[in-house]
Amino acid sequence: MRYVIWLLTTAGGVAAAAWLLDGISFDGADWQDKVLPLLGVSLILGLVSTFIKPVVQLLSLPFIILTLGLVLLVINALMLMLTAWLADIFDLGFTVDGFWTAMLGSVVITLATWTIDAVVGDA
């Protein structure tokens, strides 16, 4: 159950970013065509955040300390761009147009996920 809530929370964050930002989008005519790709992208983002992001953060730890954590925004944007690239390989129809869109999208996803977690609580 906990995994399902995590997946839906991440999907809510990605959906919020796609809704708010013009540069993040899903292919499909209506929302029914976008549900499965949204869940697939959420799964990919979760796997990227679980396995790749900690390694990148560890390797960039001196830069994180030097910039007082601002490099974490760049890392989050790069993880979102990596997710979009992997989603393209799996033909999920998820696109992120550029680095700055990815940076803003990662902030939106983080804030939306925090908000949804606060409302839903621990399950």
PDB file of N, CA and C in Angstrom:
ATOM      1  N   MET A   1       0.821  -1.199   0.000  1.00  0.00           N
ATOM      2  CA  MET A   1       0.000   0.000   0.000  1.00  0.00           C
ATOM      3  C   MET A   1       0.866   1.264   0.000  1.00  0.00           C
ATOM      4  N   ARG A   2       1.939   1.197   0.732  1.00  0.00           N
ATOM      5  CA  ARG A   2       2.836   2.336   0.827  1.00  0.00           C
ATOM      6  C   ARG A   2       3.445   2.675  -0.540  1.00  0.00           C
ATOM      7  N   TYR A   3       3.775   1.627  -1.305  1.00  0.00           N
ATOM      8  CA  TYR A   3       4.340   1.826  -2.636  1.00  0.00           C
ATOM      9  C   TYR A   3       3.332   2.484  -3.569  1.00  0.00           C
ATOM     10  N   VAL A   4       2.085   2.081  -3.478  1.00  0.00           N
ATOM     11  CA  VAL A   4       1.033   2.650  -4.331  1.00  0.00           C
ATOM     12  C   VAL A   4       0.843   4.131  -4.007  1.00  0.00           C
ATOM     13  N   ILE A   5       0.836   4.478  -2.729  1.00  0.00           N
ATOM     14  CA  ILE A   5       0.699   5.888  -2.331  1.00  0.00           C
ATOM     15  C   ILE A   5       1.893   6.695  -2.820  1.00  0.00           C
ATOM     16  N   TRP A   6       3.096   6.123  -2.721  1.00  0.00           N
ATOM     17  CA  TRP A   6       4.285   6.813  -3.211  1.00  0.00           C
ATOM     18  C   TRP A   6       4.182   7.050  -4.714  1.00  0.00           C
ATOM     19  N   LEU A   7       3.743   6.022  -5.463  1.00  0.00           N
ATOM     20  CA  LEU A   7       3.621   6.156  -6.912  1.00  0.00           C
ATOM     21  C   LEU A   7       2.577   7.207  -7.280  1.00  0.00           C
ATOM     22  N   LEU A   8       1.443   7.208  -6.604  1.00  0.00           N
ATOM     23  CA  LEU A   8       0.390   8.182  -6.888  1.00  0.00           C
ATOM     24  C   LEU A   8       0.806   9.599  -6.488  1.00  0.00           C
ATOM     25  N   THR A   9       1.561   9.713  -5.405  1.00  0.00           N
ATOM     26  CA  THR A   9       2.058  11.021  -4.984  1.00  0.00           C
ATOM     27  C   THR A   9       3.017  11.591  -6.019  1.00  0.00           C
ATOM     28  N   THR A  10       3.925  10.760  -6.500  1.00  0.00           N
ATOM     29  CA  THR A  10       4.857  11.199  -7.537  1.00  0.00           C
ATOM     30  C   THR A  10       4.107  11.538  -8.823  1.00  0.00           C
ATOM     31  N   ALA A  11       3.110  10.732  -9.146  1.00  0.00           N
ATOM     32  CA  ALA A  11       2.297  11.010 -10.338  1.00  0.00           C
ATOM     33  C   ALA A  11       1.574  12.345 -10.200  1.00  0.00           C
ATOM     34  N   GLY A  12       1.103  12.648  -9.009  1.00  0.00           N
ATOM     35  CA  GLY A  12       0.461  13.945  -8.780  1.00  0.00           C
ATOM     36  C   GLY A  12       1.421  15.103  -8.979  1.00  0.00           C
ATOM     37  N   GLY A  13       2.655  14.942  -8.528  1.00  0.00           N
ATOM     38  CA  GLY A  13       3.661  15.984  -8.735  1.00  0.00           C
ATOM     39  C   GLY A  13       4.007  16.177 -10.195  1.00  0.00           C
ATOM     40  N   VAL A  14       4.168  15.075 -10.919  1.00  0.00           N
ATOM     41  CA  VAL A  14       4.482  15.164 -12.347  1.00  0.00           C
ATOM     42  C   VAL A  14       3.295  15.754 -13.112  1.00  0.00           C
ATOM     43  N   ALA A  15       2.086  15.363 -12.735  1.00  0.00           N
ATOM     44  CA  ALA A  15       0.890  15.913 -13.387  1.00  0.00           C
ATOM     45  C   ALA A  15       0.780  17.409 -13.139  1.00  0.00           C
ATOM     46  N   ALA A  16       1.100  17.850 -11.915  1.00  0.00           N
ATOM     47  CA  ALA A  16       1.061  19.283 -11.608  1.00  0.00           C
ATOM     48  C   ALA A  16       2.078  20.049 -12.451  1.00  0.00           C
ATOM     49  N   ALA A  17       3.262  19.481 -12.607  1.00  0.00           N
ATOM     50  CA  ALA A  17       4.287  20.144 -13.420  1.00  0.00           C
ATOM     51  C   ALA A  17       3.860  20.212 -14.882  1.00  0.00           C
ATOM     52  N   ALA A  18       3.280  19.128 -15.384  1.00  0.00           N
ATOM     53  CA  ALA A  18       2.829  19.128 -16.778  1.00  0.00           C
ATOM     54  C   ALA A  18       1.673  20.091 -16.987  1.00  0.00           C
ATOM     55  N   TRP A  19       0.840  20.256 -15.982  1.00  0.00           N
ATOM     56  CA  TRP A  19      -0.296  21.164 -16.082  1.00  0.00           C
ATOM     57  C   TRP A  19       0.145  22.625 -16.007  1.00  0.00           C
ATOM     58  N   LEU A  20       1.114  22.918 -15.135  1.00  0.00           N
ATOM     59  CA  LEU A  20       1.537  24.303 -14.908  1.00  0.00           C
ATOM     60  C   LEU A  20       2.540  24.825 -15.933  1.00  0.00           C
ATOM     61  N   LEU A  21       3.363  23.949 -16.480  1.00  0.00           N
ATOM     62  CA  LEU A  21       4.459  24.397 -17.334  1.00  0.00           C
ATOM     63  C   LEU A  21       4.228  23.962 -18.778  1.00  0.00           C
ATOM     64  N   ASP A  22       4.409  24.892 -19.698  1.00  0.00           N
ATOM     65  CA  ASP A  22       4.223  24.591 -21.113  1.00  0.00           C
ATOM     66  C   ASP A  22       5.301  23.648 -21.654  1.00  0.00           C
ATOM     67  N   GLY A  23       6.491  23.672 -21.069  1.00  0.00           N
ATOM     68  CA  GLY A  23       7.596  22.875 -21.586  1.00  0.00           C
ATOM     69  C   GLY A  23       7.605  21.432 -21.137  1.00  0.00           C
ATOM     70  N   ILE A  24       6.692  21.039 -20.250  1.00  0.00           N
ATOM     71  CA  ILE A  24       6.579  19.650 -19.800  1.00  0.00           C
ATOM     72  C   ILE A  24       5.228  19.146 -20.263  1.00  0.00           C
ATOM     73  N   SER A  25       5.249  18.052 -21.028  1.00  0.00           N
ATOM     74  CA  SER A  25       3.978  17.602 -21.599  1.00  0.00           C
ATOM     75  C   SER A  25       3.954  16.098 -21.810  1.00  0.00           C
ATOM     76  N   PHE A  26       2.740  15.609 -21.957  1.00  0.00           N
ATOM     77  CA  PHE A  26       2.468  14.219 -22.309  1.00  0.00           C
ATOM     78  C   PHE A  26       1.737  14.212 -23.645  1.00  0.00           C
ATOM     79  N   ASP A  27       2.018  13.208 -24.469  1.00  0.00           N
ATOM     80  CA  ASP A  27       1.260  13.032 -25.704  1.00  0.00           C
ATOM     81  C   ASP A  27      -0.108  12.462 -25.357  1.00  0.00           C
ATOM     82  N   GLY A  28      -1.082  12.778 -26.162  1.00  0.00           N
ATOM     83  CA  GLY A  28      -2.421  12.236 -25.953  1.00  0.00           C
ATOM     84  C   GLY A  28      -3.464  13.318 -26.080  1.00  0.00           C
ATOM     85  N   ALA A  29      -4.632  12.924 -26.529  1.00  0.00           N
ATOM     86  CA  ALA A  29      -5.704  13.886 -26.765  1.00  0.00           C
ATOM     87  C   ALA A  29      -6.403  14.300 -25.482  1.00  0.00           C
ATOM     88  N   ASP A  30      -6.711  13.357 -24.629  1.00  0.00           N
ATOM     89  CA  ASP A  30      -7.418  13.689 -23.386  1.00  0.00           C
ATOM     90  C   ASP A  30      -6.737  13.000 -22.202  1.00  0.00           C
ATOM     91  N   TRP A  31      -7.264  13.239 -21.025  1.00  0.00           N
ATOM     92  CA  TRP A  31      -6.587  12.762 -19.821  1.00  0.00           C
ATOM     93  C   TRP A  31      -6.557  11.243 -19.716  1.00  0.00           C
ATOM     94  N   GLN A  32      -7.500  10.541 -20.319  1.00  0.00           N
ATOM     95  CA  GLN A  32      -7.493   9.081 -20.256  1.00  0.00           C
ATOM     96  C   GLN A  32      -6.277   8.502 -20.997  1.00  0.00           C
ATOM     97  N   ASP A  33      -5.837   9.187 -22.051  1.00  0.00           N
ATOM     98  CA  ASP A  33      -4.669   8.735 -22.799  1.00  0.00           C
ATOM     99  C   ASP A  33      -3.368   8.986 -22.047  1.00  0.00           C
ATOM    100  N   LYS A  34      -3.419   9.798 -20.997  1.00  0.00           N
ATOM    101  CA  LYS A  34      -2.207  10.205 -20.303  1.00  0.00           C
ATOM    102  C   LYS A  34      -2.005   9.502 -18.962  1.00  0.00           C
ATOM    103  N   VAL A  35      -2.970   8.732 -18.491  1.00  0.00           N
ATOM    104  CA  VAL A  35      -2.877   8.134 -17.155  1.00  0.00           C
ATOM    105  C   VAL A  35      -1.766   7.091 -17.084  1.00  0.00           C
ATOM    106  N   LEU A  36      -1.762   6.137 -17.986  1.00  0.00           N
ATOM    107  CA  LEU A  36      -0.722   5.099 -17.953  1.00  0.00           C
ATOM    108  C   LEU A  36       0.673   5.662 -18.209  1.00  0.00           C
ATOM    109  N   PRO A  37       0.858   6.562 -19.197  1.00  0.00           N
ATOM    110  CA  PRO A  37       2.182   7.175 -19.331  1.00  0.00           C
ATOM    111  C   PRO A  37       2.597   7.967 -18.088  1.00  0.00           C
ATOM    112  N   LEU A  38       1.644   8.620 -17.445  1.00  0.00           N
ATOM    113  CA  LEU A  38       1.947   9.363 -16.220  1.00  0.00           C
ATOM    114  C   LEU A  38       2.447   8.426 -15.126  1.00  0.00           C
ATOM    115  N   LEU A  39       1.794   7.287 -14.961  1.00  0.00           N
ATOM    116  CA  LEU A  39       2.245   6.315 -13.961  1.00  0.00           C
ATOM    117  C   LEU A  39       3.601   5.730 -14.339  1.00  0.00           C
ATOM    118  N   GLY A  40       3.840   5.512 -15.645  1.00  0.00           N
ATOM    119  CA  GLY A  40       5.134   5.019 -16.096  1.00  0.00           C
ATOM    120  C   GLY A  40       6.251   6.020 -15.840  1.00  0.00           C
ATOM    121  N   VAL A  41       5.980   7.283 -16.119  1.00  0.00           N
ATOM    122  CA  VAL A  41       6.975   8.330 -15.862  1.00  0.00           C
ATOM    123  C   VAL A  41       7.231   8.456 -14.367  1.00  0.00           C
ATOM    124  N   SER A  42       6.191   8.332 -13.566  1.00  0.00           N
ATOM    125  CA  SER A  42       6.364   8.399 -12.112  1.00  0.00           C
ATOM    126  C   SER A  42       7.231   7.249 -11.612  1.00  0.00           C
ATOM    127  N   LEU A  43       7.025   6.084 -12.171  1.00  0.00           N
ATOM    128  CA  LEU A  43       7.849   4.931 -11.806  1.00  0.00           C
ATOM    129  C   LEU A  43       9.306   5.152 -12.206  1.00  0.00           C
ATOM    130  N   ILE A  44       9.528   5.641 -13.418  1.00  0.00           N
ATOM    131  CA  ILE A  44      10.897   5.915 -13.868  1.00  0.00           C
ATOM    132  C   ILE A  44      11.548   6.979 -12.993  1.00  0.00           C
ATOM    133  N   LEU A  45      10.805   8.049 -12.699  1.00  0.00           N
ATOM    134  CA  LEU A  45      11.359   9.110 -11.843  1.00  0.00           C
ATOM    135  C   LEU A  45      11.697   8.575 -10.460  1.00  0.00           C
ATOM    136  N   GLY A  46      10.855   7.721  -9.934  1.00  0.00           N
ATOM    137  CA  GLY A  46      11.136   7.123  -8.628  1.00  0.00           C
ATOM    138  C   GLY A  46      12.370   6.244  -8.650  1.00  0.00           C
ATOM    139  N   LEU A  47      12.537   5.462  -9.707  1.00  0.00           N
ATOM    140  CA  LEU A  47      13.725   4.611  -9.813  1.00  0.00           C
ATOM    141  C   LEU A  47      14.996   5.438 -10.005  1.00  0.00           C
ATOM    142  N   VAL A  48      14.891   6.489 -10.815  1.00  0.00           N
ATOM    143  CA  VAL A  48      16.039   7.384 -11.006  1.00  0.00           C
ATOM    144  C   VAL A  48      16.399   8.057  -9.685  1.00  0.00           C
ATOM    145  N   SER A  49      15.400   8.509  -8.941  1.00  0.00           N
ATOM    146  CA  SER A  49      15.651   9.176  -7.660  1.00  0.00           C
ATOM    147  C   SER A  49      16.184   8.217  -6.608  1.00  0.00           C
ATOM    148  N   THR A  50      15.836   6.949  -6.727  1.00  0.00           N
ATOM    149  CA  THR A  50      16.281   5.966  -5.743  1.00  0.00           C
ATOM    150  C   THR A  50      17.695   5.471  -6.019  1.00  0.00           C
ATOM    151  N   PHE A  51      18.032   5.234  -7.284  1.00  0.00           N
ATOM    152  CA  PHE A  51      19.299   4.590  -7.584  1.00  0.00           C
ATOM    153  C   PHE A  51      20.371   5.520  -8.147  1.00  0.00           C
ATOM    154  N   ILE A  52      20.021   6.448  -8.994  1.00  0.00           N
ATOM    155  CA  ILE A  52      21.030   7.280  -9.659  1.00  0.00           C
ATOM    156  C   ILE A  52      21.309   8.567  -8.889  1.00  0.00           C
ATOM    157  N   LYS A  53      20.263   9.208  -8.403  1.00  0.00           N
ATOM    158  CA  LYS A  53      20.414  10.498  -7.733  1.00  0.00           C
ATOM    159  C   LYS A  53      21.357  10.451  -6.527  1.00  0.00           C
ATOM    160  N   PRO A  54      21.277   9.430  -5.646  1.00  0.00           N
ATOM    161  CA  PRO A  54      22.219   9.415  -4.514  1.00  0.00           C
ATOM    162  C   PRO A  54      23.682   9.320  -4.945  1.00  0.00           C
ATOM    163  N   VAL A  55      23.956   8.598  -6.006  1.00  0.00           N
ATOM    164  CA  VAL A  55      25.332   8.485  -6.499  1.00  0.00           C
ATOM    165  C   VAL A  55      25.815   9.838  -7.013  1.00  0.00           C
ATOM    166  N   VAL A  56      24.960  10.515  -7.768  1.00  0.00           N
ATOM    167  CA  VAL A  56      25.322  11.839  -8.294  1.00  0.00           C
ATOM    168  C   VAL A  56      25.523  12.829  -7.143  1.00  0.00           C
ATOM    169  N   GLN A  57      24.659  12.767  -6.145  1.00  0.00           N
ATOM    170  CA  GLN A  57      24.802  13.667  -5.001  1.00  0.00           C
ATOM    171  C   GLN A  57      26.093  13.393  -4.233  1.00  0.00           C
ATOM    172  N   LEU A  58      26.431  12.135  -4.071  1.00  0.00           N
ATOM    173  CA  LEU A  58      27.668  11.796  -3.367  1.00  0.00           C
ATOM    174  C   LEU A  58      28.884  12.294  -4.127  1.00  0.00           C
ATOM    175  N   LEU A  59      28.874  12.109  -5.442  1.00  0.00           N
ATOM    176  CA  LEU A  59      30.013  12.553  -6.242  1.00  0.00           C
ATOM    177  C   LEU A  59      30.119  14.080  -6.312  1.00  0.00           C
ATOM    178  N   SER A  60      29.002  14.767  -6.160  1.00  0.00           N
ATOM    179  CA  SER A  60      29.037  16.231  -6.238  1.00  0.00           C
ATOM    180  C   SER A  60      28.970  16.888  -4.862  1.00  0.00           C
ATOM    181  N   LEU A  61      29.218  16.138  -3.825  1.00  0.00           N
ATOM    182  CA  LEU A  61      29.129  16.669  -2.459  1.00  0.00           C
ATOM    183  C   LEU A  61      29.979  17.920  -2.226  1.00  0.00           C
ATOM    184  N   PRO A  62      31.219  17.990  -2.723  1.00  0.00           N
ATOM    185  CA  PRO A  62      31.976  19.238  -2.527  1.00  0.00           C
ATOM    186  C   PRO A  62      31.290  20.460  -3.153  1.00  0.00           C
ATOM    187  N   PHE A  63      30.688  20.282  -4.321  1.00  0.00           N
ATOM    188  CA  PHE A  63      29.986  21.398  -4.970  1.00  0.00           C
ATOM    189  C   PHE A  63      28.705  21.759  -4.225  1.00  0.00           C
ATOM    190  N   ILE A  64      28.046  20.753  -3.674  1.00  0.00           N
ATOM    191  CA  ILE A  64      26.843  21.011  -2.877  1.00  0.00           C
ATOM    192  C   ILE A  64      27.198  21.848  -1.660  1.00  0.00           C
ATOM    193  N   ILE A  65      28.271  21.500  -1.008  1.00  0.00           N
ATOM    194  CA  ILE A  65      28.716  22.258   0.178  1.00  0.00           C
ATOM    195  C   ILE A  65      29.157  23.654  -0.227  1.00  0.00           C
ATOM    196  N   LEU A  66      29.917  23.753  -1.310  1.00  0.00           N
ATOM    197  CA  LEU A  66      30.435  25.042  -1.763  1.00  0.00           C
ATOM    198  C   LEU A  66      29.319  26.009  -2.145  1.00  0.00           C
ATOM    199  N   THR A  67      28.252  25.510  -2.754  1.00  0.00           N
ATOM    200  CA  THR A  67      27.160  26.376  -3.202  1.00  0.00           C
ATOM    201  C   THR A  67      26.007  26.415  -2.200  1.00  0.00           C
ATOM    202  N   LEU A  68      26.226  25.872  -1.023  1.00  0.00           N
ATOM    203  CA  LEU A  68      25.211  25.844   0.037  1.00  0.00           C
ATOM    204  C   LEU A  68      23.926  25.151  -0.411  1.00  0.00           C
ATOM    205  N   GLY A  69      24.087  24.120  -1.231  1.00  0.00           N
ATOM    206  CA  GLY A  69      22.954  23.301  -1.638  1.00  0.00           C
ATOM    207  C   GLY A  69      22.291  23.688  -2.940  1.00  0.00           C
ATOM    208  N   LEU A  70      22.722  24.767  -3.566  1.00  0.00           N
ATOM    209  CA  LEU A  70      22.082  25.183  -4.812  1.00  0.00           C
ATOM    210  C   LEU A  70      22.317  24.198  -5.956  1.00  0.00           C
ATOM    211  N   VAL A  71      23.378  23.435  -5.889  1.00  0.00           N
ATOM    212  CA  VAL A  71      23.648  22.436  -6.916  1.00  0.00           C
ATOM    213  C   VAL A  71      22.576  21.345  -6.887  1.00  0.00           C
ATOM    214  N   LEU A  72      21.909  21.176  -5.758  1.00  0.00           N
ATOM    215  CA  LEU A  72      20.835  20.180  -5.679  1.00  0.00           C
ATOM    216  C   LEU A  72      19.696  20.502  -6.645  1.00  0.00           C
ATOM    217  N   LEU A  73      19.446  21.786  -6.887  1.00  0.00           N
ATOM    218  CA  LEU A  73      18.450  22.167  -7.887  1.00  0.00           C
ATOM    219  C   LEU A  73      18.871  21.702  -9.279  1.00  0.00           C
ATOM    220  N   VAL A  74      20.141  21.840  -9.575  1.00  0.00           N
ATOM    221  CA  VAL A  74      20.665  21.397 -10.865  1.00  0.00           C
ATOM    222  C   VAL A  74      20.569  19.882 -10.974  1.00  0.00           C
ATOM    223  N   ILE A  75      20.911  19.176  -9.899  1.00  0.00           N
ATOM    224  CA  ILE A  75      20.836  17.714  -9.906  1.00  0.00           C
ATOM    225  C   ILE A  75      19.396  17.256 -10.111  1.00  0.00           C
ATOM    226  N   ASN A  76      18.444  17.893  -9.427  1.00  0.00           N
ATOM    227  CA  ASN A  76      17.036  17.530  -9.602  1.00  0.00           C
ATOM    228  C   ASN A  76      16.579  17.767 -11.041  1.00  0.00           C
ATOM    229  N   ALA A  77      17.017  18.874 -11.642  1.00  0.00           N
ATOM    230  CA  ALA A  77      16.661  19.156 -13.031  1.00  0.00           C
ATOM    231  C   ALA A  77      17.256  18.112 -13.964  1.00  0.00           C
ATOM    232  N   LEU A  78      18.497  17.726 -13.713  1.00  0.00           N
ATOM    233  CA  LEU A  78      19.132  16.704 -14.548  1.00  0.00           C
ATOM    234  C   LEU A  78      18.450  15.348 -14.391  1.00  0.00           C
ATOM    235  N   MET A  79      17.981  15.038 -13.196  1.00  0.00           N
ATOM    236  CA  MET A  79      17.256  13.778 -12.982  1.00  0.00           C
ATOM    237  C   MET A  79      15.919  13.783 -13.724  1.00  0.00           C
ATOM    238  N   LEU A  80      15.265  14.948 -13.796  1.00  0.00           N
ATOM    239  CA  LEU A  80      14.018  15.052 -14.549  1.00  0.00           C
ATOM    240  C   LEU A  80      14.290  14.928 -16.048  1.00  0.00           C
ATOM    241  N   MET A  81      15.384  15.503 -16.512  1.00  0.00           N
ATOM    242  CA  MET A  81      15.750  15.366 -17.919  1.00  0.00           C
ATOM    243  C   MET A  81      16.113  13.920 -18.247  1.00  0.00           C
ATOM    244  N   LEU A  82      16.791  13.236 -17.333  1.00  0.00           N
ATOM    245  CA  LEU A  82      17.103  11.824 -17.522  1.00  0.00           C
ATOM    246  C   LEU A  82      15.819  10.992 -17.568  1.00  0.00           C
ATOM    247  N   THR A  83      14.868  11.338 -16.727  1.00  0.00           N
ATOM    248  CA  THR A  83      13.576  10.652 -16.732  1.00  0.00           C
ATOM    249  C   THR A  83      12.876  10.846 -18.067  1.00  0.00           C
ATOM    250  N   ALA A  84      12.907  12.055 -18.602  1.00  0.00           N
ATOM    251  CA  ALA A  84      12.285  12.319 -19.904  1.00  0.00           C
ATOM    252  C   ALA A  84      12.989  11.532 -21.006  1.00  0.00           C
ATOM    253  N   TRP A  85      14.297  11.418 -20.926  1.00  0.00           N
ATOM    254  CA  TRP A  85      15.047  10.661 -21.923  1.00  0.00           C
ATOM    255  C   TRP A  85      14.690   9.176 -21.852  1.00  0.00           C
ATOM    256  N   LEU A  86      14.619   8.635 -20.633  1.00  0.00           N
ATOM    257  CA  LEU A  86      14.238   7.229 -20.474  1.00  0.00           C
ATOM    258  C   LEU A  86      12.788   7.000 -20.902  1.00  0.00           C
ATOM    259  N   ALA A  87      11.915   7.958 -20.603  1.00  0.00           N
ATOM    260  CA  ALA A  87      10.519   7.839 -21.027  1.00  0.00           C
ATOM    261  C   ALA A  87      10.413   7.848 -22.546  1.00  0.00           C
ATOM    262  N   ASP A  88      11.287   8.584 -23.209  1.00  0.00           N
ATOM    263  CA  ASP A  88      11.307   8.583 -24.668  1.00  0.00           C
ATOM    264  C   ASP A  88      11.756   7.223 -25.197  1.00  0.00           C
ATOM    265  N   ILE A  89      12.701   6.601 -24.533  1.00  0.00           N
ATOM    266  CA  ILE A  89      13.148   5.266 -24.941  1.00  0.00           C
ATOM    267  C   ILE A  89      12.003   4.264 -24.821  1.00  0.00           C
ATOM    268  N   PHE A  90      11.209   4.379 -23.750  1.00  0.00           N
ATOM    269  CA  PHE A  90      10.079   3.477 -23.537  1.00  0.00           C
ATOM    270  C   PHE A  90       8.809   3.957 -24.243  1.00  0.00           C
ATOM    271  N   ASP A  91       8.929   5.006 -25.038  1.00  0.00           N
ATOM    272  CA  ASP A  91       7.833   5.536 -25.854  1.00  0.00           C
ATOM    273  C   ASP A  91       6.604   5.890 -25.011  1.00  0.00           C
ATOM    274  N   LEU A  92       6.836   6.645 -23.932  1.00  0.00           N
ATOM    275  CA  LEU A  92       5.747   7.067 -23.052  1.00  0.00           C
ATOM    276  C   LEU A  92       5.166   8.420 -23.430  1.00  0.00           C
ATOM    277  N   GLY A  93       5.793   9.132 -24.340  1.00  0.00           N
ATOM    278  CA  GLY A  93       5.257  10.407 -24.789  1.00  0.00           C
ATOM    279  C   GLY A  93       5.416  11.533 -23.792  1.00  0.00           C
ATOM    280  N   PHE A  94       6.463  11.486 -22.975  1.00  0.00           N
ATOM    281  CA  PHE A  94       6.736  12.523 -21.981  1.00  0.00           C
ATOM    282  C   PHE A  94       7.912  13.345 -22.461  1.00  0.00           C
ATOM    283  N   THR A  95       7.743  14.672 -22.492  1.00  0.00           N
ATOM    284  CA  THR A  95       8.821  15.543 -22.958  1.00  0.00           C
ATOM    285  C   THR A  95       9.071  16.669 -21.969  1.00  0.00           C
ATOM    286  N   VAL A  96      10.330  17.038 -21.869  1.00  0.00           N
ATOM    287  CA  VAL A  96      10.758  18.203 -21.090  1.00  0.00           C
ATOM    288  C   VAL A  96      11.612  19.039 -22.026  1.00  0.00           C
ATOM    289  N   ASP A  97      11.188  20.274 -22.260  1.00  0.00           N
ATOM    290  CA  ASP A  97      11.863  21.144 -23.220  1.00  0.00           C
ATOM    291  C   ASP A  97      12.915  22.005 -22.544  1.00  0.00           C
ATOM    292  N   GLY A  98      14.102  21.490 -22.401  1.00  0.00           N
ATOM    293  CA  GLY A  98      15.214  22.288 -21.946  1.00  0.00           C
ATOM    294  C   GLY A  98      15.500  22.224 -20.458  1.00  0.00           C
ATOM    295  N   PHE A  99      16.683  22.736 -20.135  1.00  0.00           N
ATOM    296  CA  PHE A  99      17.178  22.674 -18.765  1.00  0.00           C
ATOM    297  C   PHE A  99      16.369  23.542 -17.811  1.00  0.00           C
ATOM    298  N   TRP A 100      16.052  24.768 -18.213  1.00  0.00           N
ATOM    299  CA  TRP A 100      15.355  25.672 -17.304  1.00  0.00           C
ATOM    300  C   TRP A 100      13.930  25.204 -17.021  1.00  0.00           C
ATOM    301  N   THR A 101      13.313  24.623 -18.000  1.00  0.00           N
ATOM    302  CA  THR A 101      11.996  24.026 -17.777  1.00  0.00           C
ATOM    303  C   THR A 101      12.115  22.853 -16.816  1.00  0.00           C
ATOM    304  N   ALA A 102      13.171  22.059 -16.972  1.00  0.00           N
ATOM    305  CA  ALA A 102      13.392  20.931 -16.066  1.00  0.00           C
ATOM    306  C   ALA A 102      13.654  21.418 -14.643  1.00  0.00           C
ATOM    307  N   MET A 103      14.386  22.523 -14.509  1.00  0.00           N
ATOM    308  CA  MET A 103      14.657  23.041 -13.166  1.00  0.00           C
ATOM    309  C   MET A 103      13.369  23.521 -12.500  1.00  0.00           C
ATOM    310  N   LEU A 104      12.579  24.287 -13.233  1.00  0.00           N
ATOM    311  CA  LEU A 104      11.309  24.753 -12.679  1.00  0.00           C
ATOM    312  C   LEU A 104      10.363  23.575 -12.435  1.00  0.00           C
ATOM    313  N   GLY A 105      10.367  22.605 -13.348  1.00  0.00           N
ATOM    314  CA  GLY A 105       9.536  21.423 -13.182  1.00  0.00           C
ATOM    315  C   GLY A 105       9.917  20.612 -11.962  1.00  0.00           C
ATOM    316  N   SER A 106      11.203  20.504 -11.687  1.00  0.00           N
ATOM    317  CA  SER A 106      11.628  19.756 -10.505  1.00  0.00           C
ATOM    318  C   SER A 106      11.199  20.456  -9.220  1.00  0.00           C
ATOM    319  N   VAL A 107      11.189  21.782  -9.235  1.00  0.00           N
ATOM    320  CA  VAL A 107      10.702  22.520  -8.067  1.00  0.00           C
ATOM    321  C   VAL A 107       9.201  22.294  -7.891  1.00  0.00           C
ATOM    322  N   VAL A 108       8.445  22.346  -8.982  1.00  0.00           N
ATOM    323  CA  VAL A 108       6.995  22.119  -8.918  1.00  0.00           C
ATOM    324  C   VAL A 108       6.703  20.703  -8.431  1.00  0.00           C
ATOM    325  N   ILE A 109       7.425  19.720  -8.960  1.00  0.00           N
ATOM    326  CA  ILE A 109       7.210  18.327  -8.552  1.00  0.00           C
ATOM    327  C   ILE A 109       7.515  18.157  -7.064  1.00  0.00           C
ATOM    328  N   THR A 110       8.583  18.757  -6.603  1.00  0.00           N
ATOM    329  CA  THR A 110       8.945  18.660  -5.194  1.00  0.00           C
ATOM    330  C   THR A 110       7.881  19.292  -4.303  1.00  0.00           C
ATOM    331  N   LEU A 111       7.441  20.499  -4.650  1.00  0.00           N
ATOM    332  CA  LEU A 111       6.428  21.175  -3.836  1.00  0.00           C
ATOM    333  C   LEU A 111       5.093  20.440  -3.854  1.00  0.00           C
ATOM    334  N   ALA A 112       4.703  19.952  -5.028  1.00  0.00           N
ATOM    335  CA  ALA A 112       3.441  19.211  -5.125  1.00  0.00           C
ATOM    336  C   ALA A 112       3.508  17.906  -4.344  1.00  0.00           C
ATOM    337  N   THR A 113       4.626  17.224  -4.432  1.00  0.00           N
ATOM    338  CA  THR A 113       4.789  15.965  -3.694  1.00  0.00           C
ATOM    339  C   THR A 113       4.763  16.206  -2.196  1.00  0.00           C
ATOM    340  N   TRP A 114       5.435  17.248  -1.737  1.00  0.00           N
ATOM    341  CA  TRP A 114       5.401  17.590  -0.308  1.00  0.00           C
ATOM    342  C   TRP A 114       3.979  17.906   0.147  1.00  0.00           C
ATOM    343  N   THR A 115       3.254  18.662  -0.663  1.00  0.00           N
ATOM    344  CA  THR A 115       1.891  19.034  -0.312  1.00  0.00           C
ATOM    345  C   THR A 115       0.987  17.800  -0.247  1.00  0.00           C
ATOM    346  N   ILE A 116       1.084  16.947  -1.236  1.00  0.00           N
ATOM    347  CA  ILE A 116       0.267  15.741  -1.246  1.00  0.00           C
ATOM    348  C   ILE A 116       0.642  14.839  -0.071  1.00  0.00           C
ATOM    349  N   ASP A 117       1.922  14.711   0.229  1.00  0.00           N
ATOM    350  CA  ASP A 117       2.351  13.916   1.388  1.00  0.00           C
ATOM    351  C   ASP A 117       1.795  14.491   2.689  1.00  0.00           C
ATOM    352  N   ALA A 118       1.771  15.815   2.788  1.00  0.00           N
ATOM    353  CA  ALA A 118       1.246  16.449   4.003  1.00  0.00           C
ATOM    354  C   ALA A 118      -0.248  16.207   4.168  1.00  0.00           C
ATOM    355  N   VAL A 119      -0.968  16.205   3.058  1.00  0.00           N
ATOM    356  CA  VAL A 119      -2.415  15.980   3.117  1.00  0.00           C
ATOM    357  C   VAL A 119      -2.735  14.520   3.383  1.00  0.00           C
ATOM    358  N   VAL A 120      -2.042  13.624   2.663  1.00  0.00           N
ATOM    359  CA  VAL A 120      -2.319  12.188   2.799  1.00  0.00           C
ATOM    360  C   VAL A 120      -1.750  11.655   4.110  1.00  0.00           C
ATOM    361  N   GLY A 121      -0.567  12.113   4.488  1.00  0.00           N
ATOM    362  CA  GLY A 121       0.072  11.638   5.720  1.00  0.00           C
ATOM    363  C   GLY A 121       0.754  10.312   5.497  1.00  0.00           C
ATOM    364  N   ASP A 122       1.250   9.745   6.576  1.00  0.00           N
ATOM    365  CA  ASP A 122       1.921   8.440   6.503  1.00  0.00           C
ATOM    366  C   ASP A 122       0.901   7.336   6.399  1.00  0.00           C
ATOM    367  N   ALA A 123       1.157   6.458   5.453  1.00  0.00           N
ATOM    368  CA  ALA A 123       0.250   5.311   5.302  1.00  0.00           C
ATOM    369  C   ALA A 123       0.990   4.025   5.463  1.00  0.00           C
TER     370      ALA A 123
END
